Amino acid sequence: QVQLVESGGGLVQPGGSLRLSCAVSGLRSLRSDDYAIGWFRQAPGKEREGVSCMSMNEGSTTYYTDSVKGRFIISRDNAKNTVYLQMNSLKPEDTAVYYCNAVPPKYDYWGQGTQVTVSS
């Protein structure tokens, strides 16, 4: 059974940084030609949106939504079966619950998420 568990959220001031972690279990290997893993977020009163994703193949192609380009960096550690999201220059509008999932998302893979609050 595949499980993705997010961690690393918290309260940070505008301009600050956080690193989120997505620990993936139930897979033989994080490395695969068959899927990507992405970060999503949902702010209060808004729909869930895709933030960033990375293909799990050799090329590790990445994608970022326009609002986070130049500020967020997605990476992975195959040995730890973990995908990270380094978030820099955080803004109040980045406040949301952050989730990781396969791309496209699978219903059974949604976890509890991790809350990120950017506020002074």
PDB file of N, CA and C in Angstrom:
ATOM      1  N   GLN A   1       0.842  -1.189   0.000  1.00  0.00           N
ATOM      2  CA  GLN A   1       0.000   0.000   0.000  1.00  0.00           C
ATOM      3  C   GLN A   1       0.882   1.245   0.000  1.00  0.00           C
ATOM      4  N   VAL A   2       0.661   2.087  -0.991  1.00  0.00           N
ATOM      5  CA  VAL A   2       1.470   3.297  -1.114  1.00  0.00           C
ATOM      6  C   VAL A   2       0.945   4.356  -0.150  1.00  0.00           C
ATOM      7  N   GLN A   3       1.873   5.004   0.525  1.00  0.00           N
ATOM      8  CA  GLN A   3       1.500   6.069   1.459  1.00  0.00           C
ATOM      9  C   GLN A   3       2.476   7.229   1.309  1.00  0.00           C
ATOM     10  N   LEU A   4       1.934   8.439   1.287  1.00  0.00           N
ATOM     11  CA  LEU A   4       2.757   9.642   1.227  1.00  0.00           C
ATOM     12  C   LEU A   4       2.444  10.473   2.464  1.00  0.00           C
ATOM     13  N   VAL A   5       3.481  10.861   3.206  1.00  0.00           N
ATOM     14  CA  VAL A   5       3.296  11.594   4.450  1.00  0.00           C
ATOM     15  C   VAL A   5       4.085  12.895   4.385  1.00  0.00           C
ATOM     16  N   GLU A   6       3.352  13.992   4.534  1.00  0.00           N
ATOM     17  CA  GLU A   6       3.966  15.317   4.463  1.00  0.00           C
ATOM     18  C   GLU A   6       4.393  15.798   5.856  1.00  0.00           C
ATOM     19  N   SER A   7       5.446  16.583   5.892  1.00  0.00           N
ATOM     20  CA  SER A   7       5.892  17.194   7.145  1.00  0.00           C
ATOM     21  C   SER A   7       6.711  18.438   6.827  1.00  0.00           C
ATOM     22  N   GLY A   8       6.986  19.226   7.850  1.00  0.00           N
ATOM     23  CA  GLY A   8       7.860  20.374   7.693  1.00  0.00           C
ATOM     24  C   GLY A   8       7.179  21.718   7.678  1.00  0.00           C
ATOM     25  N   GLY A   9       5.864  21.736   7.741  1.00  0.00           N
ATOM     26  CA  GLY A   9       5.162  23.010   7.737  1.00  0.00           C
ATOM     27  C   GLY A   9       5.337  23.762   9.048  1.00  0.00           C
ATOM     28  N   GLY A  10       4.804  24.978   9.080  1.00  0.00           N
ATOM     29  CA  GLY A  10       4.902  25.773  10.295  1.00  0.00           C
ATOM     30  C   GLY A  10       4.532  27.214  10.036  1.00  0.00           C
ATOM     31  N   LEU A  11       4.797  28.035  11.025  1.00  0.00           N
ATOM     32  CA  LEU A  11       4.544  29.470  10.942  1.00  0.00           C
ATOM     33  C   LEU A  11       5.859  30.173  10.631  1.00  0.00           C
ATOM     34  N   VAL A  12       5.847  30.998   9.625  1.00  0.00           N
ATOM     35  CA  VAL A  12       7.060  31.699   9.219  1.00  0.00           C
ATOM     36  C   VAL A  12       6.693  33.124   8.821  1.00  0.00           C
ATOM     37  N   GLN A  13       7.619  34.033   9.012  1.00  0.00           N
ATOM     38  CA  GLN A  13       7.383  35.421   8.633  1.00  0.00           C
ATOM     39  C   GLN A  13       7.564  35.598   7.132  1.00  0.00           C
ATOM     40  N   PRO A  14       6.933  36.609   6.564  1.00  0.00           N
ATOM     41  CA  PRO A  14       7.153  36.893   5.135  1.00  0.00           C
ATOM     42  C   PRO A  14       8.646  37.050   4.845  1.00  0.00           C
ATOM     43  N   GLY A  15       9.065  36.454   3.740  1.00  0.00           N
ATOM     44  CA  GLY A  15      10.476  36.456   3.383  1.00  0.00           C
ATOM     45  C   GLY A  15      11.257  35.278   3.921  1.00  0.00           C
ATOM     46  N   GLY A  16      10.643  34.519   4.788  1.00  0.00           N
ATOM     47  CA  GLY A  16      11.308  33.368   5.394  1.00  0.00           C
ATOM     48  C   GLY A  16      11.290  32.139   4.504  1.00  0.00           C
ATOM     49  N   SER A  17      11.826  31.051   5.045  1.00  0.00           N
ATOM     50  CA  SER A  17      11.945  29.801   4.286  1.00  0.00           C
ATOM     51  C   SER A  17      11.455  28.624   5.115  1.00  0.00           C
ATOM     52  N   LEU A  18      11.005  27.607   4.402  1.00  0.00           N
ATOM     53  CA  LEU A  18      10.644  26.324   5.001  1.00  0.00           C
ATOM     54  C   LEU A  18      11.018  25.238   4.008  1.00  0.00           C
ATOM     55  N   ARG A  19      11.299  24.050   4.523  1.00  0.00           N
ATOM     56  CA  ARG A  19      11.487  22.896   3.653  1.00  0.00           C
ATOM     57  C   ARG A  19      10.484  21.820   4.042  1.00  0.00           C
ATOM     58  N   LEU A  20       9.636  21.484   3.081  1.00  0.00           N
ATOM     59  CA  LEU A  20       8.654  20.428   3.282  1.00  0.00           C
ATOM     60  C   LEU A  20       9.231  19.094   2.820  1.00  0.00           C
ATOM     61  N   SER A  21       8.802  18.036   3.490  1.00  0.00           N
ATOM     62  CA  SER A  21       9.227  16.687   3.122  1.00  0.00           C
ATOM     63  C   SER A  21       8.009  15.826   2.816  1.00  0.00           C
ATOM     64  N   CYS A  22       8.158  14.963   1.850  1.00  0.00           N
ATOM     65  CA  CYS A  22       7.122  13.998   1.479  1.00  0.00           C
ATOM     66  C   CYS A  22       7.763  12.619   1.514  1.00  0.00           C
ATOM     67  N   ALA A  23       7.489  11.875   2.567  1.00  0.00           N
ATOM     68  CA  ALA A  23       8.052  10.534   2.708  1.00  0.00           C
ATOM     69  C   ALA A  23       7.129   9.533   2.024  1.00  0.00           C
ATOM     70  N   VAL A  24       7.685   8.791   1.085  1.00  0.00           N
ATOM     71  CA  VAL A  24       6.909   7.846   0.279  1.00  0.00           C
ATOM     72  C   VAL A  24       7.232   6.421   0.716  1.00  0.00           C
ATOM     73  N   SER A  25       6.215   5.667   1.056  1.00  0.00           N
ATOM     74  CA  SER A  25       6.409   4.273   1.424  1.00  0.00           C
ATOM     75  C   SER A  25       5.517   3.387   0.570  1.00  0.00           C
ATOM     76  N   GLY A  26       5.844   2.100   0.523  1.00  0.00           N
ATOM     77  CA  GLY A  26       5.040   1.158  -0.233  1.00  0.00           C
ATOM     78  C   GLY A  26       5.472   0.994  -1.676  1.00  0.00           C
ATOM     79  N   LEU A  27       6.538   1.675  -2.076  1.00  0.00           N
ATOM     80  CA  LEU A  27       7.081   1.521  -3.416  1.00  0.00           C
ATOM     81  C   LEU A  27       8.437   0.838  -3.328  1.00  0.00           C
ATOM     82  N   ARG A  28       8.738   0.020  -4.324  1.00  0.00           N
ATOM     83  CA  ARG A  28      10.040  -0.636  -4.320  1.00  0.00           C
ATOM     84  C   ARG A  28      11.148   0.398  -4.436  1.00  0.00           C
ATOM     85  N   SER A  29      10.882   1.406  -5.249  1.00  0.00           N
ATOM     86  CA  SER A  29      11.880   2.463  -5.436  1.00  0.00           C
ATOM     87  C   SER A  29      11.184   3.746  -5.814  1.00  0.00           C
ATOM     88  N   LEU A  30      11.729   4.864  -5.357  1.00  0.00           N
ATOM     89  CA  LEU A  30      11.182   6.160  -5.751  1.00  0.00           C
ATOM     90  C   LEU A  30      11.449   6.408  -7.240  1.00  0.00           C
ATOM     91  N   ARG A  31      12.519   5.859  -7.737  1.00  0.00           N
ATOM     92  CA  ARG A  31      12.917   6.087  -9.121  1.00  0.00           C
ATOM     93  C   ARG A  31      12.051   5.248 -10.040  1.00  0.00           C
ATOM     94  N   SER A  32      11.448   5.902 -11.024  1.00  0.00           N
ATOM     95  CA  SER A  32      10.552   5.200 -11.930  1.00  0.00           C
ATOM     96  C   SER A  32      10.376   6.003 -13.196  1.00  0.00           C
ATOM     97  N   ASP A  33      10.134   5.301 -14.294  1.00  0.00           N
ATOM     98  CA  ASP A  33       9.813   5.965 -15.551  1.00  0.00           C
ATOM     99  C   ASP A  33       8.317   6.206 -15.694  1.00  0.00           C
ATOM    100  N   ASP A  34       7.543   5.748 -14.702  1.00  0.00           N
ATOM    101  CA  ASP A  34       6.097   5.686 -14.887  1.00  0.00           C
ATOM    102  C   ASP A  34       5.300   6.807 -14.240  1.00  0.00           C
ATOM    103  N   TYR A  35       5.922   7.599 -13.375  1.00  0.00           N
ATOM    104  CA  TYR A  35       5.104   8.596 -12.700  1.00  0.00           C
ATOM    105  C   TYR A  35       5.948   9.780 -12.245  1.00  0.00           C
ATOM    106  N   ALA A  36       5.243  10.814 -11.860  1.00  0.00           N
ATOM    107  CA  ALA A  36       5.855  11.983 -11.231  1.00  0.00           C
ATOM    108  C   ALA A  36       5.224  12.156  -9.857  1.00  0.00           C
ATOM    109  N   ILE A  37       5.897  12.894  -9.002  1.00  0.00           N
ATOM    110  CA  ILE A  37       5.345  13.255  -7.702  1.00  0.00           C
ATOM    111  C   ILE A  37       5.307  14.763  -7.611  1.00  0.00           C
ATOM    112  N   GLY A  38       4.220  15.253  -7.100  1.00  0.00           N
ATOM    113  CA  GLY A  38       4.036  16.683  -7.052  1.00  0.00           C
ATOM    114  C   GLY A  38       3.586  17.199  -5.706  1.00  0.00           C
ATOM    115  N   TRP A  39       3.731  18.501  -5.551  1.00  0.00           N
ATOM    116  CA  TRP A  39       3.230  19.208  -4.376  1.00  0.00           C
ATOM    117  C   TRP A  39       2.010  20.015  -4.790  1.00  0.00           C
ATOM    118  N   PHE A  40       1.012  19.976  -3.944  1.00  0.00           N
ATOM    119  CA  PHE A  40      -0.229  20.695  -4.156  1.00  0.00           C
ATOM    120  C   PHE A  40      -0.509  21.513  -2.896  1.00  0.00           C
ATOM    121  N   ARG A  41      -1.360  22.520  -3.024  1.00  0.00           N
ATOM    122  CA  ARG A  41      -1.727  23.277  -1.838  1.00  0.00           C
ATOM    123  C   ARG A  41      -3.173  23.727  -1.940  1.00  0.00           C
ATOM    124  N   GLN A  42      -3.766  23.921  -0.770  1.00  0.00           N
ATOM    125  CA  GLN A  42      -5.136  24.403  -0.709  1.00  0.00           C
ATOM    126  C   GLN A  42      -5.234  25.465   0.368  1.00  0.00           C
ATOM    127  N   ALA A  43      -5.551  26.667  -0.070  1.00  0.00           N
ATOM    128  CA  ALA A  43      -5.730  27.783   0.845  1.00  0.00           C
ATOM    129  C   ALA A  43      -7.194  27.839   1.276  1.00  0.00           C
ATOM    130  N   PRO A  44      -7.485  28.447   2.408  1.00  0.00           N
ATOM    131  CA  PRO A  44      -8.873  28.536   2.878  1.00  0.00           C
ATOM    132  C   PRO A  44      -9.784  29.164   1.827  1.00  0.00           C
ATOM    133  N   GLY A  45     -10.876  28.499   1.542  1.00  0.00           N
ATOM    134  CA  GLY A  45     -11.836  29.025   0.595  1.00  0.00           C
ATOM    135  C   GLY A  45     -11.455  28.887  -0.864  1.00  0.00           C
ATOM    136  N   LYS A  46     -10.350  28.219  -1.129  1.00  0.00           N
ATOM    137  CA  LYS A  46      -9.895  28.066  -2.515  1.00  0.00           C
ATOM    138  C   LYS A  46      -9.766  26.592  -2.885  1.00  0.00           C
ATOM    139  N   GLU A  47      -9.735  26.353  -4.187  1.00  0.00           N
ATOM    140  CA  GLU A  47      -9.555  24.988  -4.649  1.00  0.00           C
ATOM    141  C   GLU A  47      -8.084  24.572  -4.523  1.00  0.00           C
ATOM    142  N   ARG A  48      -7.866  23.274  -4.426  1.00  0.00           N
ATOM    143  CA  ARG A  48      -6.509  22.759  -4.385  1.00  0.00           C
ATOM    144  C   ARG A  48      -5.818  23.037  -5.724  1.00  0.00           C
ATOM    145  N   GLU A  49      -4.575  23.452  -5.676  1.00  0.00           N
ATOM    146  CA  GLU A  49      -3.843  23.752  -6.896  1.00  0.00           C
ATOM    147  C   GLU A  49      -2.486  23.045  -6.894  1.00  0.00           C
ATOM    148  N   GLY A  50      -1.995  22.768  -8.082  1.00  0.00           N
ATOM    149  CA  GLY A  50      -0.668  22.192  -8.223  1.00  0.00           C
ATOM    150  C   GLY A  50       0.393  23.261  -8.058  1.00  0.00           C
ATOM    151  N   VAL A  51       1.436  22.961  -7.327  1.00  0.00           N
ATOM    152  CA  VAL A  51       2.512  23.913  -7.066  1.00  0.00           C
ATOM    153  C   VAL A  51       3.770  23.548  -7.839  1.00  0.00           C
ATOM    154  N   SER A  52       4.156  22.299  -7.751  1.00  0.00           N
ATOM    155  CA  SER A  52       5.393  21.852  -8.381  1.00  0.00           C
ATOM    156  C   SER A  52       5.356  20.339  -8.517  1.00  0.00           C
ATOM    157  N   CYS A  53       6.089  19.814  -9.504  1.00  0.00           N
ATOM    158  CA  CYS A  53       6.207  18.366  -9.600  1.00  0.00           C
ATOM    159  C   CYS A  53       7.540  18.001 -10.229  1.00  0.00           C
ATOM    160  N   MET A  54       7.899  16.745 -10.043  1.00  0.00           N
ATOM    161  CA  MET A  54       9.162  16.238 -10.574  1.00  0.00           C
ATOM    162  C   MET A  54       8.941  14.829 -11.089  1.00  0.00           C
ATOM    163  N   SER A  55       9.425  14.559 -12.287  1.00  0.00           N
ATOM    164  CA  SER A  55       9.362  13.194 -12.795  1.00  0.00           C
ATOM    165  C   SER A  55      10.360  12.339 -12.025  1.00  0.00           C
ATOM    166  N   MET A  56      10.017  11.078 -11.817  1.00  0.00           N
ATOM    167  CA  MET A  56      10.850  10.201 -11.008  1.00  0.00           C
ATOM    168  C   MET A  56      11.822   9.376 -11.863  1.00  0.00           C
ATOM    169  N   ASN A  57      11.956   9.745 -13.132  1.00  0.00           N
ATOM    170  CA  ASN A  57      12.903   9.044 -13.987  1.00  0.00           C
ATOM    171  C   ASN A  57      14.292   9.675 -13.892  1.00  0.00           C
ATOM    172  N   GLU A  58      15.188   9.225 -14.757  1.00  0.00           N
ATOM    173  CA  GLU A  58      16.573   9.696 -14.716  1.00  0.00           C
ATOM    174  C   GLU A  58      16.662  11.212 -14.925  1.00  0.00           C
ATOM    175  N   GLY A  59      15.807  11.732 -15.779  1.00  0.00           N
ATOM    176  CA  GLY A  59      15.887  13.138 -16.141  1.00  0.00           C
ATOM    177  C   GLY A  59      15.415  14.106 -15.071  1.00  0.00           C
ATOM    178  N   SER A  60      14.547  13.631 -14.156  1.00  0.00           N
ATOM    179  CA  SER A  60      14.043  14.481 -13.067  1.00  0.00           C
ATOM    180  C   SER A  60      13.517  15.825 -13.567  1.00  0.00           C
ATOM    181  N   THR A  61      12.704  15.782 -14.593  1.00  0.00           N
ATOM    182  CA  THR A  61      12.120  17.014 -15.120  1.00  0.00           C
ATOM    183  C   THR A  61      11.248  17.659 -14.061  1.00  0.00           C
ATOM    184  N   THR A  62      11.357  18.975 -13.942  1.00  0.00           N
ATOM    185  CA  THR A  62      10.587  19.687 -12.927  1.00  0.00           C
ATOM    186  C   THR A  62       9.618  20.679 -13.560  1.00  0.00           C
ATOM    187  N   TYR A  63       8.600  20.996 -12.786  1.00  0.00           N
ATOM    188  CA  TYR A  63       7.597  21.984 -13.190  1.00  0.00           C
ATOM    189  C   TYR A  63       7.255  22.832 -11.963  1.00  0.00           C
ATOM    190  N   TYR A  64       7.024  24.121 -12.217  1.00  0.00           N
ATOM    191  CA  TYR A  64       6.591  25.033 -11.158  1.00  0.00           C
ATOM    192  C   TYR A  64       5.455  25.899 -11.679  1.00  0.00           C
ATOM    193  N   THR A  65       4.460  26.105 -10.857  1.00  0.00           N
ATOM    194  CA  THR A  65       3.438  27.053 -11.230  1.00  0.00           C
ATOM    195  C   THR A  65       4.045  28.453 -11.194  1.00  0.00           C
ATOM    196  N   ASP A  66       3.500  29.357 -11.981  1.00  0.00           N
ATOM    197  CA  ASP A  66       4.114  30.676 -12.153  1.00  0.00           C
ATOM    198  C   ASP A  66       4.328  31.417 -10.834  1.00  0.00           C
ATOM    199  N   SER A  67       3.399  31.281  -9.915  1.00  0.00           N
ATOM    200  CA  SER A  67       3.472  32.070  -8.685  1.00  0.00           C
ATOM    201  C   SER A  67       4.629  31.677  -7.767  1.00  0.00           C
ATOM    202  N   VAL A  68       5.249  30.519  -8.009  1.00  0.00           N
ATOM    203  CA  VAL A  68       6.350  30.090  -7.133  1.00  0.00           C
ATOM    204  C   VAL A  68       7.681  29.974  -7.867  1.00  0.00           C
ATOM    205  N   LYS A  69       7.682  30.210  -9.158  1.00  0.00           N
ATOM    206  CA  LYS A  69       8.924  30.112  -9.926  1.00  0.00           C
ATOM    207  C   LYS A  69       9.969  31.061  -9.365  1.00  0.00           C
ATOM    208  N   GLY A  70      11.195  30.545  -9.216  1.00  0.00           N
ATOM    209  CA  GLY A  70      12.281  31.353  -8.680  1.00  0.00           C
ATOM    210  C   GLY A  70      12.327  31.387  -7.166  1.00  0.00           C
ATOM    211  N   ARG A  71      11.293  30.854  -6.511  1.00  0.00           N
ATOM    212  CA  ARG A  71      11.257  30.862  -5.045  1.00  0.00           C
ATOM    213  C   ARG A  71      11.253  29.450  -4.457  1.00  0.00           C
ATOM    214  N   PHE A  72      10.595  28.520  -5.117  1.00  0.00           N
ATOM    215  CA  PHE A  72      10.480  27.144  -4.628  1.00  0.00           C
ATOM    216  C   PHE A  72      11.363  26.226  -5.451  1.00  0.00           C
ATOM    217  N   ILE A  73      11.889  25.206  -4.787  1.00  0.00           N
ATOM    218  CA  ILE A  73      12.715  24.209  -5.463  1.00  0.00           C
ATOM    219  C   ILE A  73      12.277  22.816  -5.011  1.00  0.00           C
ATOM    220  N   ILE A  74      11.947  21.973  -5.984  1.00  0.00           N
ATOM    221  CA  ILE A  74      11.585  20.592  -5.678  1.00  0.00           C
ATOM    222  C   ILE A  74      12.808  19.713  -5.892  1.00  0.00           C
ATOM    223  N   SER A  75      12.978  18.741  -5.016  1.00  0.00           N
ATOM    224  CA  SER A  75      14.110  17.827  -5.137  1.00  0.00           C
ATOM    225  C   SER A  75      13.720  16.484  -4.542  1.00  0.00           C
ATOM    226  N   ARG A  76      14.599  15.520  -4.680  1.00  0.00           N
ATOM    227  CA  ARG A  76      14.284  14.203  -4.118  1.00  0.00           C
ATOM    228  C   ARG A  76      15.555  13.523  -3.640  1.00  0.00           C
ATOM    229  N   ASP A  77      15.361  12.599  -2.724  1.00  0.00           N
ATOM    230  CA  ASP A  77      16.449  11.757  -2.235  1.00  0.00           C
ATOM    231  C   ASP A  77      15.977  10.315  -2.415  1.00  0.00           C
ATOM    232  N   ASN A  78      16.489   9.657  -3.436  1.00  0.00           N
ATOM    233  CA  ASN A  78      16.034   8.295  -3.732  1.00  0.00           C
ATOM    234  C   ASN A  78      16.336   7.334  -2.585  1.00  0.00           C
ATOM    235  N   ALA A  79      17.455   7.534  -1.929  1.00  0.00           N
ATOM    236  CA  ALA A  79      17.842   6.632  -0.838  1.00  0.00           C
ATOM    237  C   ALA A  79      16.868   6.727   0.336  1.00  0.00           C
ATOM    238  N   LYS A  80      16.285   7.905   0.509  1.00  0.00           N
ATOM    239  CA  LYS A  80      15.348   8.111   1.618  1.00  0.00           C
ATOM    240  C   LYS A  80      13.901   8.035   1.174  1.00  0.00           C
ATOM    241  N   ASN A  81      13.669   7.768  -0.119  1.00  0.00           N
ATOM    242  CA  ASN A  81      12.301   7.745  -0.649  1.00  0.00           C
ATOM    243  C   ASN A  81      11.531   8.993  -0.243  1.00  0.00           C
ATOM    244  N   THR A  82      12.171  10.121  -0.399  1.00  0.00           N
ATOM    245  CA  THR A  82      11.587  11.381   0.050  1.00  0.00           C
ATOM    246  C   THR A  82      11.709  12.449  -1.026  1.00  0.00           C
ATOM    247  N   VAL A  83      10.637  13.202  -1.192  1.00  0.00           N
ATOM    248  CA  VAL A  83      10.607  14.345  -2.097  1.00  0.00           C
ATOM    249  C   VAL A  83      10.487  15.604  -1.243  1.00  0.00           C
ATOM    250  N   TYR A  84      11.257  16.613  -1.576  1.00  0.00           N
ATOM    251  CA  TYR A  84      11.300  17.842  -0.785  1.00  0.00           C
ATOM    252  C   TYR A  84      10.752  19.019  -1.580  1.00  0.00           C
ATOM    253  N   LEU A  85      10.299  20.022  -0.855  1.00  0.00           N
ATOM    254  CA  LEU A  85       9.950  21.301  -1.464  1.00  0.00           C
ATOM    255  C   LEU A  85      10.587  22.394  -0.612  1.00  0.00           C
ATOM    256  N   GLN A  86      11.652  22.971  -1.138  1.00  0.00           N
ATOM    257  CA  GLN A  86      12.297  24.094  -0.474  1.00  0.00           C
ATOM    258  C   GLN A  86      11.570  25.360  -0.867  1.00  0.00           C
ATOM    259  N   MET A  87      11.056  26.069   0.119  1.00  0.00           N
ATOM    260  CA  MET A  87      10.258  27.257  -0.147  1.00  0.00           C
ATOM    261  C   MET A  87      10.988  28.467   0.427  1.00  0.00           C
ATOM    262  N   ASN A  88      11.375  29.371  -0.442  1.00  0.00           N
ATOM    263  CA  ASN A  88      12.105  30.579  -0.035  1.00  0.00           C
ATOM    264  C   ASN A  88      11.263  31.816  -0.348  1.00  0.00           C
ATOM    265  N   SER A  89      11.650  32.923   0.243  1.00  0.00           N
ATOM    266  CA  SER A  89      10.962  34.211   0.009  1.00  0.00           C
ATOM    267  C   SER A  89       9.456  34.045   0.140  1.00  0.00           C
ATOM    268  N   LEU A  90       9.050  33.415   1.197  1.00  0.00           N
ATOM    269  CA  LEU A  90       7.630  33.107   1.368  1.00  0.00           C
ATOM    270  C   LEU A  90       6.793  34.366   1.504  1.00  0.00           C
ATOM    271  N   LYS A  91       5.582  34.293   0.964  1.00  0.00           N
ATOM    272  CA  LYS A  91       4.640  35.401   0.974  1.00  0.00           C
ATOM    273  C   LYS A  91       3.373  34.974   1.711  1.00  0.00           C
ATOM    274  N   PRO A  92       2.620  35.934   2.223  1.00  0.00           N
ATOM    275  CA  PRO A  92       1.355  35.569   2.883  1.00  0.00           C
ATOM    276  C   PRO A  92       0.438  34.740   1.990  1.00  0.00           C
ATOM    277  N   GLU A  93       0.465  34.983   0.698  1.00  0.00           N
ATOM    278  CA  GLU A  93      -0.392  34.218  -0.212  1.00  0.00           C
ATOM    279  C   GLU A  93       0.056  32.776  -0.403  1.00  0.00           C
ATOM    280  N   ASP A  94       1.200  32.405   0.161  1.00  0.00           N
ATOM    281  CA  ASP A  94       1.628  31.006   0.142  1.00  0.00           C
ATOM    282  C   ASP A  94       0.993  30.206   1.285  1.00  0.00           C
ATOM    283  N   THR A  95       0.276  30.896   2.155  1.00  0.00           N
ATOM    284  CA  THR A  95      -0.390  30.217   3.267  1.00  0.00           C
ATOM    285  C   THR A  95      -1.403  29.213   2.747  1.00  0.00           C
ATOM    286  N   ALA A  96      -1.263  27.971   3.178  1.00  0.00           N
ATOM    287  CA  ALA A  96      -2.134  26.898   2.702  1.00  0.00           C
ATOM    288  C   ALA A  96      -1.740  25.599   3.401  1.00  0.00           C
ATOM    289  N   VAL A  97      -2.561  24.590   3.214  1.00  0.00           N
ATOM    290  CA  VAL A  97      -2.161  23.227   3.556  1.00  0.00           C
ATOM    291  C   VAL A  97      -1.502  22.633   2.323  1.00  0.00           C
ATOM    292  N   TYR A  98      -0.324  22.101   2.503  1.00  0.00           N
ATOM    293  CA  TYR A  98       0.453  21.544   1.403  1.00  0.00           C
ATOM    294  C   TYR A  98       0.388  20.018   1.441  1.00  0.00           C
ATOM    295  N   TYR A  99       0.163  19.441   0.269  1.00  0.00           N
ATOM    296  CA  TYR A  99       0.049  18.003   0.113  1.00  0.00           C
ATOM    297  C   TYR A  99       1.004  17.522  -0.960  1.00  0.00           C
ATOM    298  N   CYS A 100       1.408  16.275  -0.872  1.00  0.00           N
ATOM    299  CA  CYS A 100       2.110  15.656  -1.987  1.00  0.00           C
ATOM    300  C   CYS A 100       1.275  14.480  -2.499  1.00  0.00           C
ATOM    301  N   ASN A 101       1.460  14.178  -3.758  1.00  0.00           N
ATOM    302  CA  ASN A 101       0.700  13.095  -4.383  1.00  0.00           C
ATOM    303  C   ASN A 101       1.373  12.740  -5.689  1.00  0.00           C
ATOM    304  N   ALA A 102       0.939  11.671  -6.278  1.00  0.00           N
ATOM    305  CA  ALA A 102       1.394  11.338  -7.617  1.00  0.00           C
ATOM    306  C   ALA A 102       0.796  12.360  -8.590  1.00  0.00           C
ATOM    307  N   VAL A 103       1.356  12.398  -9.779  1.00  0.00           N
ATOM    308  CA  VAL A 103       0.839  13.271 -10.823  1.00  0.00           C
ATOM    309  C   VAL A 103       0.515  12.393 -12.035  1.00  0.00           C
ATOM    310  N   PRO A 104      -0.790  12.323 -12.489  1.00  0.00           N
ATOM    311  CA  PRO A 104      -1.936  12.971 -11.876  1.00  0.00           C
ATOM    312  C   PRO A 104      -2.259  12.365 -10.509  1.00  0.00           C
ATOM    313  N   PRO A 105      -2.920  13.131  -9.651  1.00  0.00           N
ATOM    314  CA  PRO A 105      -3.155  12.672  -8.278  1.00  0.00           C
ATOM    315  C   PRO A 105      -4.021  11.422  -8.225  1.00  0.00           C
ATOM    316  N   LYS A 106      -3.726  10.593  -7.258  1.00  0.00           N
ATOM    317  CA  LYS A 106      -4.528   9.414  -6.988  1.00  0.00           C
ATOM    318  C   LYS A 106      -5.293   9.652  -5.684  1.00  0.00           C
ATOM    319  N   TYR A 107      -6.579   9.360  -5.717  1.00  0.00           N
ATOM    320  CA  TYR A 107      -7.441   9.639  -4.572  1.00  0.00           C
ATOM    321  C   TYR A 107      -6.890   9.003  -3.299  1.00  0.00           C
ATOM    322  N   ASP A 108      -6.451   7.758  -3.404  1.00  0.00           N
ATOM    323  CA  ASP A 108      -6.009   7.030  -2.202  1.00  0.00           C
ATOM    324  C   ASP A 108      -4.684   7.531  -1.652  1.00  0.00           C
ATOM    325  N   TYR A 109      -3.992   8.368  -2.374  1.00  0.00           N
ATOM    326  CA  TYR A 109      -2.683   8.825  -1.932  1.00  0.00           C
ATOM    327  C   TYR A 109      -2.741  10.123  -1.119  1.00  0.00           C
ATOM    328  N   TRP A 110      -3.898  10.793  -1.100  1.00  0.00           N
ATOM    329  CA  TRP A 110      -3.970  12.055  -0.354  1.00  0.00           C
ATOM    330  C   TRP A 110      -3.752  11.794   1.124  1.00  0.00           C
ATOM    331  N   GLY A 111      -2.855  12.571   1.728  1.00  0.00           N
ATOM    332  CA  GLY A 111      -2.602  12.468   3.156  1.00  0.00           C
ATOM    333  C   GLY A 111      -3.224  13.644   3.890  1.00  0.00           C
ATOM    334  N   GLN A 112      -2.734  13.877   5.103  1.00  0.00           N
ATOM    335  CA  GLN A 112      -3.284  14.943   5.933  1.00  0.00           C
ATOM    336  C   GLN A 112      -2.732  16.313   5.553  1.00  0.00           C
ATOM    337  N   GLY A 113      -1.621  16.317   4.853  1.00  0.00           N
ATOM    338  CA  GLY A 113      -1.007  17.580   4.492  1.00  0.00           C
ATOM    339  C   GLY A 113      -0.244  18.194   5.652  1.00  0.00           C
ATOM    340  N   THR A 114       0.416  19.296   5.346  1.00  0.00           N
ATOM    341  CA  THR A 114       1.144  20.036   6.375  1.00  0.00           C
ATOM    342  C   THR A 114       0.837  21.513   6.213  1.00  0.00           C
ATOM    343  N   GLN A 115       0.504  22.160   7.316  1.00  0.00           N
ATOM    344  CA  GLN A 115       0.058  23.553   7.272  1.00  0.00           C
ATOM    345  C   GLN A 115       1.258  24.496   7.173  1.00  0.00           C
ATOM    346  N   VAL A 116       1.188  25.399   6.229  1.00  0.00           N
ATOM    347  CA  VAL A 116       2.179  26.470   6.106  1.00  0.00           C
ATOM    348  C   VAL A 116       1.447  27.793   6.293  1.00  0.00           C
ATOM    349  N   THR A 117       1.900  28.571   7.256  1.00  0.00           N
ATOM    350  CA  THR A 117       1.302  29.870   7.524  1.00  0.00           C
ATOM    351  C   THR A 117       2.391  30.929   7.445  1.00  0.00           C
ATOM    352  N   VAL A 118       2.183  31.887   6.558  1.00  0.00           N
ATOM    353  CA  VAL A 118       3.144  32.972   6.382  1.00  0.00           C
ATOM    354  C   VAL A 118       2.489  34.244   6.904  1.00  0.00           C
ATOM    355  N   SER A 119       3.010  34.730   8.007  1.00  0.00           N
ATOM    356  CA  SER A 119       2.387  35.878   8.656  1.00  0.00           C
ATOM    357  C   SER A 119       3.392  36.571   9.562  1.00  0.00           C
ATOM    358  N   SER A 120       3.241  37.869   9.663  1.00  0.00           N
ATOM    359  CA  SER A 120       4.092  38.627  10.588  1.00  0.00           C
ATOM    360  C   SER A 120       3.400  38.783  11.936  1.00  0.00           C
TER     361      SER A 120
END
